[in-house]
């Protein structure tokens, strides 16, 4: 029997459809790598979504925090390393390190996942291995306690998006990365097109399904010029499906 790897690395080449006009990978491109690598490692460990769904359960991402020193460029080779870091409350914690050829670290992330019962939509305790394996892996790379993100109190910009078939995942609701992409849609164009993402925190609060319209609202973080609060609200019932907070820097660096 193959020994389980408690730390897992996948490699990616930055592809043309993952970059913007500046030739560097988009925020959603990075997040797709992290999601894919997490799923690959969970499957290797026996915690994959395929097995859970056979038992009437599934994984959902609840919290996400990314720090990006620089986005890699088109055709650059990237490695994403991940490991489980134990459990906190009902969260299964998973960490990520992003490096480029030569081993230079360019980003790091932490995430909090929940196992939910598909029928009741209620959380259940993650697999017992999650907590015990956290004692065998490296420490957390970002020590985030996943406190509630601040509200958008005075929206300054707003856009509306509609959930497409292409946004749906295996749970038949909007994929985490689609939600992250929507959260950035209402940014001022000068930021969205002229700056680079330096940090992103996301708090996923509810599911969204095909055809629903989502209002994306943004306000500048009080006292800061390059940081924003984001909220995504389902228009049909006014339910907030996610909150986010982003920080931006100059394009280069």
Protein backbone atom coordinates (compact mmCIF):
# COMPACT_ATOMS: atom_id res chain seq x y z
CA UNK A 1 0.00 0.00 0.00
CA UNK A 2 1.37 3.42 -0.95
CA UNK A 3 2.29 5.55 2.05
CA UNK A 4 0.15 8.63 2.41
CA UNK A 5 1.85 11.94 1.72
CA UNK A 6 0.92 14.46 4.42
CA UNK A 7 2.36 17.32 2.33
CA UNK A 8 1.37 17.46 -1.35
CA UNK A 9 2.67 19.47 -4.32
CA UNK A 10 1.15 20.01 -7.77
CA UNK A 11 2.81 21.89 -10.61
CA UNK A 12 1.17 24.26 -13.08
CA UNK A 13 2.24 26.29 -16.09
CA UNK A 14 0.51 29.66 -16.37
CA UNK A 15 -1.75 29.34 -19.40
CA UNK A 16 -2.97 32.10 -21.71
CA UNK A 17 -6.59 31.95 -20.49
CA UNK A 18 -5.42 32.48 -16.89
CA UNK A 19 -3.78 35.87 -17.47
CA UNK A 20 -5.07 39.39 -18.00
CA UNK A 21 -3.96 42.19 -20.30
CA UNK A 22 -0.84 42.71 -18.16
CA UNK A 23 0.32 39.13 -18.83
CA UNK A 24 0.10 37.99 -15.20
CA UNK A 25 -2.20 35.37 -13.74
CA UNK A 26 -5.57 36.57 -12.46
CA UNK A 27 -6.82 36.14 -8.89
CA UNK A 28 -9.23 33.44 -10.04
CA UNK A 29 -6.41 31.64 -11.85
CA UNK A 30 -4.46 31.38 -8.59
CA UNK A 31 -7.56 30.28 -6.67
CA UNK A 32 -8.30 27.56 -9.21
CA UNK A 33 -4.82 26.10 -8.65
CA UNK A 34 -5.35 26.05 -4.90
CA UNK A 35 -8.77 24.43 -5.19
CA UNK A 36 -7.48 21.77 -7.59
CA UNK A 37 -4.47 20.97 -5.42
CA UNK A 38 -6.61 20.74 -2.27
CA UNK A 39 -8.95 18.30 -4.01
CA UNK A 40 -6.09 16.17 -5.31
CA UNK A 41 -4.55 15.89 -1.85
CA UNK A 42 -7.88 15.17 -0.14
CA UNK A 43 -8.52 12.34 -2.59
CA UNK A 44 -5.02 10.94 -1.97
CA UNK A 45 -5.70 10.99 1.79
CA UNK A 46 -9.07 9.26 1.42
CA UNK A 47 -11.09 12.38 2.21
CA UNK A 48 -12.04 13.27 -1.36
CA UNK A 49 -15.42 14.63 -2.35
CA UNK A 50 -16.10 11.50 -4.41
CA UNK A 51 -16.03 9.31 -1.30
CA UNK A 52 -17.95 11.74 0.88
CA UNK A 53 -20.77 12.12 -1.64
CA UNK A 54 -21.26 8.35 -1.53
CA UNK A 55 -22.04 8.81 2.18
CA UNK A 56 -24.39 11.74 1.60
CA UNK A 57 -21.83 14.40 2.57
CA UNK A 58 -19.63 16.91 0.81
CA UNK A 59 -16.91 19.48 1.43
CA UNK A 60 -17.70 23.21 1.29
CA UNK A 61 -15.21 26.04 1.56
CA UNK A 62 -16.15 28.43 4.36
CA UNK A 63 -13.12 30.72 4.78
CA UNK A 64 -10.20 31.65 2.54
CA UNK A 65 -7.24 34.00 3.00
CA UNK A 66 -4.60 34.57 0.30
CA UNK A 67 -1.46 36.73 0.43
CA UNK A 68 0.21 37.16 -2.94
CA UNK A 69 3.64 38.82 -3.19
CA UNK A 70 3.50 38.82 -6.97
CA UNK A 71 1.34 37.07 -9.57
CA UNK A 72 3.33 34.77 -11.88
CA UNK A 73 3.57 35.55 -15.57
CA UNK A 74 2.32 33.74 -18.65
CA UNK A 75 4.14 30.40 -19.16
CA UNK A 76 5.91 30.64 -15.81
CA UNK A 77 6.15 27.35 -13.91
CA UNK A 78 4.41 27.35 -10.53
CA UNK A 79 4.26 24.84 -7.68
CA UNK A 80 1.43 24.75 -5.13
CA UNK A 81 2.21 22.87 -1.91
CA UNK A 82 -0.57 22.08 0.55
CA UNK A 83 -1.09 20.31 3.86
CA UNK A 84 -3.89 19.82 6.41
CA UNK A 85 -3.28 21.77 9.62
CA UNK A 86 -5.77 20.18 12.01
CA UNK A 87 -9.25 21.32 12.95
CA UNK A 88 -10.66 24.45 14.59
CA UNK A 89 -14.29 24.30 15.68
CA UNK A 90 -16.00 22.67 12.67
CA UNK A 91 -13.33 23.87 10.26
CA UNK A 92 -10.81 21.52 8.69
CA UNK A 93 -7.81 23.79 8.16
CA UNK A 94 -5.71 23.57 5.01
CA UNK A 95 -2.61 25.62 4.21
CA UNK A 96 -0.91 26.46 0.88
CA UNK A 97 2.48 27.71 -0.27
CA UNK A 98 2.98 29.01 -3.82
CA UNK A 99 6.48 28.93 -5.29
CA UNK A 100 8.07 29.39 -8.70
CA UNK A 101 10.97 27.66 -10.44
CA UNK A 102 14.00 27.92 -8.19
CA UNK A 103 11.90 27.64 -5.03
CA UNK A 104 11.12 31.33 -4.42
CA UNK A 105 7.90 31.74 -2.46
CA UNK A 106 5.49 34.21 -4.05
CA UNK A 107 2.30 33.53 -2.08
CA UNK A 108 0.65 31.73 0.79
CA UNK A 109 -2.90 30.94 1.82
CA UNK A 110 -5.00 29.36 4.53
CA UNK A 111 -8.51 27.97 4.28
CA UNK A 112 -11.29 26.61 6.48
CA UNK A 113 -13.46 23.80 5.09
CA UNK A 114 -16.62 22.19 6.44
CA UNK A 115 -18.20 18.81 5.82
CA UNK A 116 -21.96 19.16 5.40
CA UNK A 117 -24.78 16.65 5.16
CA UNK A 118 -26.16 16.99 1.62
CA UNK A 119 -29.74 16.32 2.74
CA UNK A 120 -29.93 18.63 5.74
CA UNK A 121 -27.26 21.15 4.61
CA UNK A 122 -26.00 21.05 8.20
CA UNK A 123 -22.30 20.78 9.09
CA UNK A 124 -20.89 17.61 10.61
CA UNK A 125 -17.50 16.94 12.15
CA UNK A 126 -14.68 16.48 9.63
CA UNK A 127 -12.96 13.08 9.34
CA UNK A 128 -11.11 12.05 12.51
CA UNK A 129 -7.85 11.90 10.58
CA UNK A 130 -7.97 15.65 9.96
CA UNK A 131 -7.09 16.65 13.51
CA UNK A 132 -4.56 13.88 14.11
CA UNK A 133 -2.75 14.50 10.83
CA UNK A 134 -2.38 18.18 11.73
CA UNK A 135 0.15 17.08 14.35
CA UNK A 136 2.36 15.57 11.62
CA UNK A 137 2.40 18.48 9.18
CA UNK A 138 4.12 21.89 9.10
CA UNK A 139 2.58 24.72 11.16
CA UNK A 140 0.02 27.08 9.70
CA UNK A 141 1.47 29.43 7.13
CA UNK A 142 -1.11 32.17 7.94
CA UNK A 143 -2.40 32.15 11.51
CA UNK A 144 -5.89 33.45 10.76
CA UNK A 145 -8.58 32.77 13.38
CA UNK A 146 -11.30 33.33 10.74
CA UNK A 147 -13.13 36.07 12.63
CA UNK A 148 -16.16 37.54 10.87
CA UNK A 149 -15.25 40.00 8.11
CA UNK A 150 -16.59 43.57 8.39
CA UNK A 151 -19.83 44.61 6.71
CA UNK A 152 -20.17 46.85 3.69
CA UNK A 153 -21.92 49.73 5.44
CA UNK A 154 -21.92 52.39 2.71
CA UNK A 155 -21.66 50.82 -0.78
CA UNK A 156 -19.85 53.03 -3.27
CA UNK A 157 -20.04 50.83 -6.37
CA UNK A 158 -22.39 48.02 -7.42
CA UNK A 159 -22.62 45.45 -10.21
CA UNK A 160 -25.09 42.60 -10.77
CA UNK A 161 -24.06 39.14 -11.98
CA UNK A 162 -26.20 36.14 -12.87
CA UNK A 163 -25.24 32.57 -11.97
CA UNK A 164 -24.50 30.68 -15.18
CA UNK A 165 -24.42 26.94 -15.85
CA UNK A 166 -20.65 27.36 -16.26
CA UNK A 167 -20.44 28.55 -12.63
CA UNK A 168 -21.91 25.38 -11.11
CA UNK A 169 -19.82 22.77 -9.33
CA UNK A 170 -20.43 19.11 -8.42
CA UNK A 171 -22.72 20.22 -5.58
CA UNK A 172 -24.92 22.04 -8.17
CA UNK A 173 -24.24 25.48 -6.72
CA UNK A 174 -21.83 28.25 -7.67
CA UNK A 175 -18.20 27.26 -7.49
CA UNK A 176 -16.06 29.00 -4.86
CA UNK A 177 -13.80 30.50 -7.49
CA UNK A 178 -16.77 31.95 -9.40
CA UNK A 179 -17.89 33.67 -6.19
CA UNK A 180 -14.38 35.06 -5.69
CA UNK A 181 -14.38 36.36 -9.26
CA UNK A 182 -17.76 38.04 -8.79
CA UNK A 183 -16.56 39.75 -5.59
CA UNK A 184 -13.98 41.69 -7.63
CA UNK A 185 -16.42 42.81 -10.34
CA UNK A 186 -17.50 46.05 -8.64
CA UNK A 187 -14.00 47.42 -8.04
CA UNK A 188 -13.07 50.76 -9.61
CA UNK A 189 -11.64 50.09 -13.10
CA UNK A 190 -8.36 51.76 -12.15
CA UNK A 191 -7.87 49.13 -9.45
CA UNK A 192 -9.21 46.12 -11.35
CA UNK A 193 -7.11 46.88 -14.44
CA UNK A 194 -4.22 48.93 -13.06
CA UNK A 195 -3.24 47.25 -9.80
CA UNK A 196 -2.36 43.77 -8.62
CA UNK A 197 -4.03 41.79 -5.88
CA UNK A 198 -1.86 41.64 -2.74
CA UNK A 199 -4.29 40.09 -0.25
CA UNK A 200 -7.78 38.60 -0.32
CA UNK A 201 -9.99 37.27 2.48
CA UNK A 202 -13.34 35.62 1.74
CA UNK A 203 -16.14 34.48 4.05
CA UNK A 204 -18.61 32.21 2.25
CA UNK A 205 -22.03 32.50 3.89
CA UNK A 206 -24.64 30.83 1.64
CA UNK A 207 -25.03 28.91 -1.60
CA UNK A 208 -26.20 30.31 -4.91
CA UNK A 209 -27.75 28.43 -7.82
CA UNK A 210 -28.28 28.75 -11.53
CA UNK A 211 -30.25 31.78 -12.68
CA UNK A 212 -30.01 33.70 -9.41
CA UNK A 213 -28.97 37.33 -9.65
CA UNK A 214 -26.26 38.49 -7.26
CA UNK A 215 -25.67 42.14 -6.35
CA UNK A 216 -21.96 42.82 -5.79
CA UNK A 217 -21.30 45.90 -3.65
CA UNK A 218 -17.99 47.46 -2.70
CA UNK A 219 -16.79 50.21 -0.39
CA UNK A 220 -13.28 51.44 0.26
CA UNK A 221 -11.87 50.34 3.61
CA UNK A 222 -12.15 53.36 5.94
CA UNK A 223 -8.84 55.19 6.19
CA UNK A 224 -7.19 53.23 3.35
CA UNK A 225 -6.75 54.01 -0.34
CA UNK A 226 -6.03 50.56 -1.75
CA UNK A 227 -8.19 48.23 0.37
CA UNK A 228 -11.86 47.36 -0.08
CA UNK A 229 -14.77 45.57 1.56
CA UNK A 230 -17.03 43.46 -0.66
CA UNK A 231 -20.47 41.93 -0.19
CA UNK A 232 -22.48 39.64 -2.47
CA UNK A 233 -26.24 39.66 -1.91
CA UNK A 234 -28.82 37.38 -3.57
CA UNK A 235 -31.44 39.68 -5.06
CA UNK A 236 -34.33 37.22 -4.71
CA UNK A 237 -34.33 37.12 -0.90
CA UNK A 238 -31.69 39.63 0.19
CA UNK A 239 -29.46 36.85 1.61
CA UNK A 240 -25.77 37.70 1.82
CA UNK A 241 -23.90 34.82 0.16
CA UNK A 242 -20.35 36.06 0.78
CA UNK A 243 -18.18 38.81 2.18
CA UNK A 244 -14.64 39.66 1.18
CA UNK A 245 -11.84 42.10 1.88
CA UNK A 246 -9.11 42.88 -0.64
CA UNK A 247 -5.86 44.85 -0.64
CA UNK A 248 -4.10 46.04 -3.79
CA UNK A 249 -0.61 47.19 -4.77
CA UNK A 250 1.14 48.58 -7.86
CA UNK A 251 1.10 46.33 -10.90
CA UNK A 252 4.81 45.45 -10.68
CA UNK A 253 6.50 43.75 -7.77
